[in-house]
Amino acid sequence: MDGKKLVRMANEIAAFFAVDPARSTAIEGVATHLQRFWEPRMRRAIFAELDAGATAGMHELVVAALQTHRQKLEPAAS
């Protein structure tokens, strides 16, 4: 999976939820979307970007969602 493309996609999701005045609700919205609609290999790849420190281009809501909800988002090892 192309990490840059996934970051761009996640940023688009975050932009949608960023209008919510409650930051915690926006973070939850991003995490829920990733859990529901992203297949495990996509989530593994975006976590690889996060773990590699490639967060400079990530929307802050994406970073917060990945960090806060890692346990529910991280797919089981295959």
N, C-alpha and C. Protein backbone atom coordinates (compact mmCIF):
# COMPACT_ATOMS: atom_id res chain seq x y z
N MET A 1 0.85 -1.18 0.00
CA MET A 1 0.00 0.00 0.00
C MET A 1 0.89 1.24 0.00
N ASP A 2 0.48 2.22 -0.74
CA ASP A 2 1.19 3.47 -0.82
C ASP A 2 0.84 4.32 0.40
N GLY A 3 1.82 4.50 1.28
CA GLY A 3 1.59 5.25 2.52
C GLY A 3 1.14 6.67 2.29
N LYS A 4 1.70 7.34 1.29
CA LYS A 4 1.33 8.73 1.01
C LYS A 4 -0.13 8.83 0.57
N LYS A 5 -0.56 7.86 -0.22
CA LYS A 5 -1.96 7.86 -0.66
C LYS A 5 -2.89 7.63 0.53
N LEU A 6 -2.51 6.72 1.41
CA LEU A 6 -3.33 6.46 2.59
C LEU A 6 -3.41 7.68 3.50
N VAL A 7 -2.30 8.38 3.64
CA VAL A 7 -2.29 9.60 4.45
C VAL A 7 -3.24 10.63 3.82
N ARG A 8 -3.18 10.77 2.51
CA ARG A 8 -4.07 11.71 1.83
C ARG A 8 -5.54 11.32 2.06
N MET A 9 -5.83 10.04 1.95
CA MET A 9 -7.20 9.58 2.16
C MET A 9 -7.64 9.83 3.61
N ALA A 10 -6.76 9.53 4.56
CA ALA A 10 -7.10 9.75 5.97
C ALA A 10 -7.28 11.24 6.25
N ASN A 11 -6.48 12.08 5.61
CA ASN A 11 -6.63 13.53 5.79
C ASN A 11 -7.98 14.02 5.27
N GLU A 12 -8.46 13.43 4.19
CA GLU A 12 -9.78 13.80 3.67
C GLU A 12 -10.88 13.41 4.65
N ILE A 13 -10.72 12.27 5.28
CA ILE A 13 -11.68 11.85 6.31
C ILE A 13 -11.64 12.82 7.48
N ALA A 14 -10.44 13.18 7.90
CA ALA A 14 -10.29 14.11 9.02
C ALA A 14 -10.88 15.48 8.69
N ALA A 15 -10.71 15.94 7.47
CA ALA A 15 -11.26 17.23 7.06
C ALA A 15 -12.79 17.22 7.19
N PHE A 16 -13.41 16.10 6.88
CA PHE A 16 -14.85 15.97 7.02
C PHE A 16 -15.27 16.11 8.49
N PHE A 17 -14.55 15.43 9.38
CA PHE A 17 -14.91 15.45 10.79
C PHE A 17 -14.40 16.69 11.52
N ALA A 18 -13.49 17.43 10.93
CA ALA A 18 -12.90 18.60 11.60
C ALA A 18 -13.90 19.71 11.87
N VAL A 19 -15.02 19.71 11.17
CA VAL A 19 -16.03 20.76 11.41
C VAL A 19 -16.77 20.57 12.72
N ASP A 20 -16.67 19.40 13.31
CA ASP A 20 -17.33 19.14 14.58
C ASP A 20 -16.66 20.00 15.66
N PRO A 21 -17.43 20.78 16.40
CA PRO A 21 -16.82 21.64 17.42
C PRO A 21 -16.18 20.86 18.58
N ALA A 22 -16.61 19.64 18.78
CA ALA A 22 -16.05 18.82 19.87
C ALA A 22 -14.91 17.98 19.29
N ARG A 23 -13.69 18.31 19.66
CA ARG A 23 -12.51 17.62 19.13
C ARG A 23 -12.59 16.12 19.39
N SER A 24 -13.03 15.73 20.57
CA SER A 24 -13.10 14.31 20.91
C SER A 24 -14.09 13.56 19.99
N THR A 25 -15.15 14.22 19.62
CA THR A 25 -16.12 13.61 18.70
C THR A 25 -15.51 13.46 17.31
N ALA A 26 -14.74 14.45 16.89
CA ALA A 26 -14.08 14.39 15.59
C ALA A 26 -13.06 13.25 15.56
N ILE A 27 -12.29 13.11 16.62
CA ILE A 27 -11.30 12.03 16.71
C ILE A 27 -12.00 10.67 16.66
N GLU A 28 -13.07 10.55 17.40
CA GLU A 28 -13.84 9.30 17.41
C GLU A 28 -14.41 9.02 16.02
N GLY A 29 -14.87 10.05 15.33
CA GLY A 29 -15.41 9.88 13.99
C GLY A 29 -14.37 9.36 13.01
N VAL A 30 -13.16 9.92 13.08
CA VAL A 30 -12.08 9.45 12.22
C VAL A 30 -11.76 7.99 12.52
N ALA A 31 -11.62 7.67 13.80
CA ALA A 31 -11.28 6.30 14.20
C ALA A 31 -12.37 5.31 13.77
N THR A 32 -13.61 5.68 13.97
CA THR A 32 -14.72 4.80 13.60
C THR A 32 -14.75 4.57 12.09
N HIS A 33 -14.52 5.63 11.32
CA HIS A 33 -14.49 5.47 9.86
C HIS A 33 -13.37 4.53 9.44
N LEU A 34 -12.19 4.72 10.00
CA LEU A 34 -11.06 3.84 9.65
C LEU A 34 -11.36 2.39 10.01
N GLN A 35 -11.97 2.20 11.15
CA GLN A 35 -12.28 0.83 11.59
C GLN A 35 -13.33 0.18 10.69
N ARG A 36 -14.33 0.93 10.32
CA ARG A 36 -15.43 0.36 9.53
C ARG A 36 -15.10 0.15 8.06
N PHE A 37 -14.36 1.09 7.47
CA PHE A 37 -14.23 1.10 6.02
C PHE A 37 -12.84 0.80 5.48
N TRP A 38 -11.85 0.77 6.34
CA TRP A 38 -10.50 0.46 5.86
C TRP A 38 -10.18 -0.99 6.17
N GLU A 39 -9.70 -1.70 5.18
CA GLU A 39 -9.34 -3.10 5.40
C GLU A 39 -8.07 -3.16 6.26
N PRO A 40 -7.82 -4.30 6.89
CA PRO A 40 -6.68 -4.43 7.80
C PRO A 40 -5.34 -4.02 7.21
N ARG A 41 -5.07 -4.36 5.95
CA ARG A 41 -3.76 -4.00 5.39
C ARG A 41 -3.61 -2.49 5.24
N MET A 42 -4.70 -1.79 5.02
CA MET A 42 -4.65 -0.33 4.94
C MET A 42 -4.32 0.26 6.32
N ARG A 43 -4.97 -0.29 7.35
CA ARG A 43 -4.70 0.20 8.71
C ARG A 43 -3.28 -0.14 9.14
N ARG A 44 -2.80 -1.32 8.77
CA ARG A 44 -1.40 -1.66 9.09
C ARG A 44 -0.44 -0.67 8.43
N ALA A 45 -0.73 -0.33 7.19
CA ALA A 45 0.15 0.58 6.45
C ALA A 45 0.15 1.98 7.04
N ILE A 46 -1.01 2.47 7.48
CA ILE A 46 -1.02 3.82 8.04
C ILE A 46 -0.35 3.83 9.42
N PHE A 47 -0.48 2.73 10.16
CA PHE A 47 0.26 2.64 11.42
C PHE A 47 1.76 2.57 11.17
N ALA A 48 2.18 1.94 10.08
CA ALA A 48 3.60 1.90 9.74
C ALA A 48 4.10 3.32 9.46
N GLU A 49 3.29 4.13 8.79
CA GLU A 49 3.65 5.53 8.56
C GLU A 49 3.78 6.27 9.89
N LEU A 50 2.81 6.07 10.76
CA LEU A 50 2.83 6.72 12.08
C LEU A 50 4.06 6.29 12.86
N ASP A 51 4.33 5.00 12.89
CA ASP A 51 5.46 4.47 13.66
C ASP A 51 6.81 4.90 13.10
N ALA A 52 6.85 5.17 11.79
CA ALA A 52 8.09 5.63 11.16
C ALA A 52 8.30 7.12 11.37
N GLY A 53 7.35 7.77 12.02
CA GLY A 53 7.47 9.20 12.28
C GLY A 53 7.06 10.06 11.10
N ALA A 54 6.36 9.47 10.16
CA ALA A 54 5.94 10.20 8.96
C ALA A 54 4.61 10.92 9.20
N THR A 55 4.57 11.73 10.25
CA THR A 55 3.33 12.41 10.61
C THR A 55 3.29 13.86 10.13
N ALA A 56 4.36 14.34 9.53
CA ALA A 56 4.41 15.74 9.09
C ALA A 56 3.26 16.08 8.16
N GLY A 57 2.84 15.16 7.31
CA GLY A 57 1.75 15.43 6.38
C GLY A 57 0.39 14.98 6.86
N MET A 58 0.33 14.40 8.06
CA MET A 58 -0.94 13.89 8.57
C MET A 58 -1.71 14.98 9.30
N HIS A 59 -3.00 15.02 9.04
CA HIS A 59 -3.90 15.91 9.77
C HIS A 59 -3.81 15.54 11.24
N GLU A 60 -3.87 16.54 12.10
CA GLU A 60 -3.71 16.26 13.53
C GLU A 60 -4.82 15.35 14.08
N LEU A 61 -5.99 15.38 13.46
CA LEU A 61 -7.06 14.47 13.91
C LEU A 61 -6.74 13.02 13.56
N VAL A 62 -6.06 12.81 12.45
CA VAL A 62 -5.65 11.46 12.06
C VAL A 62 -4.63 10.94 13.09
N VAL A 63 -3.64 11.75 13.39
CA VAL A 63 -2.63 11.34 14.37
C VAL A 63 -3.29 11.03 15.71
N ALA A 64 -4.17 11.91 16.15
CA ALA A 64 -4.84 11.71 17.44
C ALA A 64 -5.70 10.44 17.42
N ALA A 65 -6.40 10.21 16.33
CA ALA A 65 -7.25 9.01 16.23
C ALA A 65 -6.41 7.75 16.26
N LEU A 66 -5.31 7.74 15.54
CA LEU A 66 -4.45 6.56 15.51
C LEU A 66 -3.82 6.30 16.88
N GLN A 67 -3.40 7.35 17.54
CA GLN A 67 -2.77 7.19 18.85
C GLN A 67 -3.78 6.82 19.93
N THR A 68 -4.91 7.49 19.93
CA THR A 68 -5.92 7.29 20.97
C THR A 68 -6.65 5.96 20.84
N HIS A 69 -6.89 5.56 19.61
CA HIS A 69 -7.71 4.36 19.36
C HIS A 69 -6.91 3.23 18.74
N ARG A 70 -5.63 3.22 18.99
CA ARG A 70 -4.76 2.21 18.36
C ARG A 70 -5.24 0.78 18.65
N GLN A 71 -5.60 0.52 19.87
CA GLN A 71 -5.97 -0.85 20.24
C GLN A 71 -7.16 -1.36 19.43
N LYS A 72 -8.14 -0.51 19.19
CA LYS A 72 -9.31 -0.96 18.42
C LYS A 72 -9.07 -0.92 16.91
N LEU A 73 -8.12 -0.10 16.47
CA LEU A 73 -7.86 0.03 15.04
C LEU A 73 -6.82 -0.95 14.50
N GLU A 74 -5.87 -1.32 15.35
CA GLU A 74 -4.77 -2.15 14.88
C GLU A 74 -5.26 -3.58 14.63
N PRO A 75 -5.14 -4.04 13.40
CA PRO A 75 -5.59 -5.40 13.08
C PRO A 75 -4.75 -6.44 13.81
N ALA A 76 -5.35 -7.56 14.05
CA ALA A 76 -4.61 -8.68 14.66
C ALA A 76 -3.53 -9.13 13.69
N ALA A 77 -2.44 -9.62 14.24
CA ALA A 77 -1.34 -10.11 13.40
C ALA A 77 -1.84 -11.27 12.54
N SER A 78 -1.37 -11.26 11.31
CA SER A 78 -1.82 -12.34 10.41
C SER A 78 -0.75 -13.38 10.25
